[in-house]
Amino acid sequence: MVRLIPTKQWRDFSKWCRSRRLRALPANAWTLSAYIRACEPTMKPEAIHEAVAAIARHHLLRCVRSPDRHPMVQDTLQALEKNADLKGSQSALFDAEQFLEAEPPKIKRLAPEKKNKPRRIQMRAQPKLVSRRPT
């Protein structure tokens, strides 16, 4: 019997699945696509591709169909690559050095304008309660 040593990518994926009460083996294509989207902000696209390959390898070694070839997963990976390409092409509007060197502008607060409207006196619906003085 061959003993499988799980890789870090597989352990991360199975931990992610357990925390959401999803099945890691055999993983559904939707589960793998959701994992890819969850990793997108914190991992580089190359690392995500390596993780998907490790997950697929673990499925194949367990003689289970791997979800990495499902069209949904392939579309998610293509969207990941497209987003990574768009991130690199965005230009910065300001240099970080400009903010570090410049002093923050002083904001002058204007006093609110007073309106000279006559106060309108309203009558009470109930009489004002006055405490009695002891005699």
C-alpha atoms as a PDB file:
ATOM      1  CA  MET A   1       0.000   0.000   0.000  1.00  0.00           C
ATOM      2  CA  VAL A   2       1.360   3.394  -1.031  1.00  0.00           C
ATOM      3  CA  ARG A   3       1.152   6.075   1.613  1.00  0.00           C
ATOM      4  CA  LEU A   4       0.178   9.508   0.373  1.00  0.00           C
ATOM      5  CA  ILE A   5       1.955  12.513   1.824  1.00  0.00           C
ATOM      6  CA  PRO A   6      -0.360  15.475   1.340  1.00  0.00           C
ATOM      7  CA  THR A   7       1.162  18.671   0.026  1.00  0.00           C
ATOM      8  CA  LYS A   8       0.670  22.059   1.635  1.00  0.00           C
ATOM      9  CA  GLN A   9      -1.715  23.058  -1.166  1.00  0.00           C
ATOM     10  CA  TRP A  10      -3.875  20.010  -0.525  1.00  0.00           C
ATOM     11  CA  ARG A  11      -3.885  20.607   3.246  1.00  0.00           C
ATOM     12  CA  ASP A  12      -4.914  24.242   2.684  1.00  0.00           C
ATOM     13  CA  PHE A  13      -7.695  23.180   0.310  1.00  0.00           C
ATOM     14  CA  SER A  14      -9.027  20.479   2.629  1.00  0.00           C
ATOM     15  CA  LYS A  15      -8.904  22.875   5.604  1.00  0.00           C
ATOM     16  CA  TRP A  16     -10.803  25.485   3.541  1.00  0.00           C
ATOM     17  CA  CYS A  17     -13.402  22.848   2.618  1.00  0.00           C
ATOM     18  CA  ARG A  18     -13.803  21.653   6.224  1.00  0.00           C
ATOM     19  CA  SER A  19     -14.366  25.205   7.455  1.00  0.00           C
ATOM     20  CA  ARG A  20     -17.239  25.558   4.960  1.00  0.00           C
ATOM     21  CA  ARG A  21     -18.560  22.014   5.409  1.00  0.00           C
ATOM     22  CA  LEU A  22     -17.747  21.034   1.822  1.00  0.00           C
ATOM     23  CA  ARG A  23     -16.332  17.771   0.560  1.00  0.00           C
ATOM     24  CA  ALA A  24     -12.676  17.960  -0.399  1.00  0.00           C
ATOM     25  CA  LEU A  25     -12.478  14.466  -1.890  1.00  0.00           C
ATOM     26  CA  PRO A  26     -14.024  14.096  -4.416  1.00  0.00           C
ATOM     27  CA  ALA A  27     -14.327  17.811  -4.810  1.00  0.00           C
ATOM     28  CA  ASN A  28     -17.119  19.320  -6.818  1.00  0.00           C
ATOM     29  CA  ALA A  29     -16.133  21.663  -9.660  1.00  0.00           C
ATOM     30  CA  TRP A  30     -18.054  24.451  -7.963  1.00  0.00           C
ATOM     31  CA  THR A  31     -16.030  23.906  -4.755  1.00  0.00           C
ATOM     32  CA  LEU A  32     -12.719  24.155  -6.608  1.00  0.00           C
ATOM     33  CA  SER A  33     -13.885  27.263  -8.492  1.00  0.00           C
ATOM     34  CA  ALA A  34     -14.962  28.899  -5.232  1.00  0.00           C
ATOM     35  CA  TYR A  35     -11.573  28.043  -3.693  1.00  0.00           C
ATOM     36  CA  ILE A  36      -9.784  29.639  -6.643  1.00  0.00           C
ATOM     37  CA  ARG A  37     -11.842  32.824  -6.230  1.00  0.00           C
ATOM     38  CA  ALA A  38     -11.181  32.826  -2.473  1.00  0.00           C
ATOM     39  CA  CYS A  39      -7.416  32.548  -3.043  1.00  0.00           C
ATOM     40  CA  GLU A  40      -7.306  35.260  -5.715  1.00  0.00           C
ATOM     41  CA  PRO A  41      -6.738  38.256  -3.384  1.00  0.00           C
ATOM     42  CA  THR A  42      -3.950  36.597  -1.386  1.00  0.00           C
ATOM     43  CA  MET A  43      -2.118  34.382  -3.884  1.00  0.00           C
ATOM     44  CA  LYS A  44      -0.415  34.966  -7.201  1.00  0.00           C
ATOM     45  CA  PRO A  45      -1.941  33.279 -10.263  1.00  0.00           C
ATOM     46  CA  GLU A  46       1.073  30.951 -10.591  1.00  0.00           C
ATOM     47  CA  ALA A  47       0.607  29.756  -7.012  1.00  0.00           C
ATOM     48  CA  ILE A  48      -3.098  29.161  -7.620  1.00  0.00           C
ATOM     49  CA  HIS A  49      -2.286  27.089 -10.728  1.00  0.00           C
ATOM     50  CA  GLU A  50       0.162  25.051  -8.635  1.00  0.00           C
ATOM     51  CA  ALA A  51      -2.513  24.530  -5.974  1.00  0.00           C
ATOM     52  CA  VAL A  52      -5.035  23.355  -8.579  1.00  0.00           C
ATOM     53  CA  ALA A  53      -2.424  20.954  -9.979  1.00  0.00           C
ATOM     54  CA  ALA A  54      -1.714  19.595  -6.478  1.00  0.00           C
ATOM     55  CA  ILE A  55      -5.430  19.121  -5.827  1.00  0.00           C
ATOM     56  CA  ALA A  56      -5.827  17.322  -9.167  1.00  0.00           C
ATOM     57  CA  ARG A  57      -2.792  15.123  -8.420  1.00  0.00           C
ATOM     58  CA  HIS A  58      -4.253  14.179  -5.025  1.00  0.00           C
ATOM     59  CA  HIS A  59      -7.550  13.235  -6.700  1.00  0.00           C
ATOM     60  CA  LEU A  60      -5.795  11.114  -9.313  1.00  0.00           C
ATOM     61  CA  LEU A  61      -3.674   9.305  -6.708  1.00  0.00           C
ATOM     62  CA  ARG A  62      -6.868   8.445  -4.827  1.00  0.00           C
ATOM     63  CA  CYS A  63      -8.391   7.138  -8.093  1.00  0.00           C
ATOM     64  CA  VAL A  64     -11.103   9.793  -8.051  1.00  0.00           C
ATOM     65  CA  ARG A  65     -12.126  11.981 -10.949  1.00  0.00           C
ATOM     66  CA  SER A  66     -10.399  15.345 -10.728  1.00  0.00           C
ATOM     67  CA  PRO A  67     -12.523  18.506 -11.023  1.00  0.00           C
ATOM     68  CA  ASP A  68      -9.743  20.582 -12.603  1.00  0.00           C
ATOM     69  CA  ARG A  69     -10.829  19.729 -16.177  1.00  0.00           C
ATOM     70  CA  HIS A  70     -14.415  20.820 -15.662  1.00  0.00           C
ATOM     71  CA  PRO A  71     -15.399  23.822 -17.859  1.00  0.00           C
ATOM     72  CA  MET A  72     -16.416  25.843 -14.813  1.00  0.00           C
ATOM     73  CA  VAL A  73     -12.932  25.488 -13.290  1.00  0.00           C
ATOM     74  CA  GLN A  74     -11.278  26.273 -16.623  1.00  0.00           C
ATOM     75  CA  ASP A  75     -13.413  29.410 -16.999  1.00  0.00           C
ATOM     76  CA  THR A  76     -12.527  30.478 -13.465  1.00  0.00           C
ATOM     77  CA  LEU A  77      -8.811  30.043 -14.184  1.00  0.00           C
ATOM     78  CA  GLN A  78      -9.143  32.069 -17.394  1.00  0.00           C
ATOM     79  CA  ALA A  79     -10.953  34.837 -15.491  1.00  0.00           C
ATOM     80  CA  LEU A  80      -8.165  34.750 -12.901  1.00  0.00           C
ATOM     81  CA  GLU A  81      -5.525  35.229 -15.602  1.00  0.00           C
ATOM     82  CA  LYS A  82      -7.532  38.028 -17.223  1.00  0.00           C
ATOM     83  CA  ASN A  83      -7.881  39.834 -13.875  1.00  0.00           C
ATOM     84  CA  ALA A  84      -4.144  39.451 -13.256  1.00  0.00           C
ATOM     85  CA  ASP A  85      -3.404  40.973 -16.676  1.00  0.00           C
ATOM     86  CA  LEU A  86      -5.738  43.891 -15.996  1.00  0.00           C
ATOM     87  CA  LYS A  87      -4.166  44.552 -12.592  1.00  0.00           C
ATOM     88  CA  GLY A  88      -0.748  44.953 -14.161  1.00  0.00           C
ATOM     89  CA  SER A  89      -1.987  47.383 -16.803  1.00  0.00           C
ATOM     90  CA  GLN A  90      -3.634  49.781 -14.371  1.00  0.00           C
ATOM     91  CA  SER A  91      -1.601  52.885 -13.825  1.00  0.00           C
ATOM     92  CA  ALA A  92      -1.180  54.630 -10.528  1.00  0.00           C
ATOM     93  CA  LEU A  93      -2.755  58.065 -10.410  1.00  0.00           C
ATOM     94  CA  PHE A  94      -0.311  59.336  -7.811  1.00  0.00           C
ATOM     95  CA  ASP A  95       3.160  58.375  -6.701  1.00  0.00           C
ATOM     96  CA  ALA A  96       3.464  57.166  -3.135  1.00  0.00           C
ATOM     97  CA  GLU A  97       6.443  59.486  -2.667  1.00  0.00           C
ATOM     98  CA  GLN A  98       4.248  62.528  -3.255  1.00  0.00           C
ATOM     99  CA  PHE A  99       2.122  61.599  -0.271  1.00  0.00           C
ATOM    100  CA  LEU A 100       5.070  60.842   1.973  1.00  0.00           C
ATOM    101  CA  GLU A 101       6.847  64.130   1.271  1.00  0.00           C
ATOM    102  CA  ALA A 102       3.911  66.507   1.224  1.00  0.00           C
ATOM    103  CA  GLU A 103       2.348  67.904   4.364  1.00  0.00           C
ATOM    104  CA  PRO A 104      -1.353  67.344   4.743  1.00  0.00           C
ATOM    105  CA  PRO A 105      -3.399  70.387   3.762  1.00  0.00           C
ATOM    106  CA  LYS A 106      -4.841  72.408   6.597  1.00  0.00           C
ATOM    107  CA  ILE A 107      -8.577  72.470   6.523  1.00  0.00           C
ATOM    108  CA  LYS A 108     -10.268  75.659   7.594  1.00  0.00           C
ATOM    109  CA  ARG A 109     -13.565  75.036   9.201  1.00  0.00           C
ATOM    110  CA  LEU A 110     -16.155  77.700   8.623  1.00  0.00           C
ATOM    111  CA  ALA A 111     -18.555  78.605  11.362  1.00  0.00           C
ATOM    112  CA  PRO A 112     -22.148  77.866  10.458  1.00  0.00           C
ATOM    113  CA  GLU A 113     -24.088  80.898   9.417  1.00  0.00           C
ATOM    114  CA  LYS A 114     -26.638  82.140  11.902  1.00  0.00           C
ATOM    115  CA  LYS A 115     -30.070  82.605  10.552  1.00  0.00           C
ATOM    116  CA  ASN A 116     -31.933  85.601  11.873  1.00  0.00           C
ATOM    117  CA  LYS A 117     -35.375  84.132  11.766  1.00  0.00           C
ATOM    118  CA  PRO A 118     -37.795  85.056  14.510  1.00  0.00           C
ATOM    119  CA  ARG A 119     -38.395  82.208  16.939  1.00  0.00           C
ATOM    120  CA  ARG A 120     -41.848  80.884  16.847  1.00  0.00           C
ATOM    121  CA  ILE A 121     -43.354  80.234  20.253  1.00  0.00           C
ATOM    122  CA  GLN A 122     -45.468  77.147  20.505  1.00  0.00           C
ATOM    123  CA  MET A 123     -48.056  76.524  23.150  1.00  0.00           C
ATOM    124  CA  ARG A 124     -47.847  73.355  25.198  1.00  0.00           C
ATOM    125  CA  ALA A 125     -50.501  70.731  24.936  1.00  0.00           C
ATOM    126  CA  GLN A 126     -50.178  69.967  28.668  1.00  0.00           C
ATOM    127  CA  PRO A 127     -49.442  72.352  31.527  1.00  0.00           C
ATOM    128  CA  LYS A 128     -45.865  72.521  32.791  1.00  0.00           C
ATOM    129  CA  LEU A 129     -45.391  70.553  35.976  1.00  0.00           C
ATOM    130  CA  VAL A 130     -43.916  72.602  38.815  1.00  0.00           C
ATOM    131  CA  SER A 131     -42.710  71.130  42.050  1.00  0.00           C
ATOM    132  CA  ARG A 132     -44.271  72.547  45.178  1.00  0.00           C
ATOM    133  CA  ARG A 133     -42.099  74.239  47.666  1.00  0.00           C
ATOM    134  CA  PRO A 134     -42.392  73.035  51.216  1.00  0.00           C
ATOM    135  CA  THR A 135     -44.100  75.591  53.457  1.00  0.00           C
END
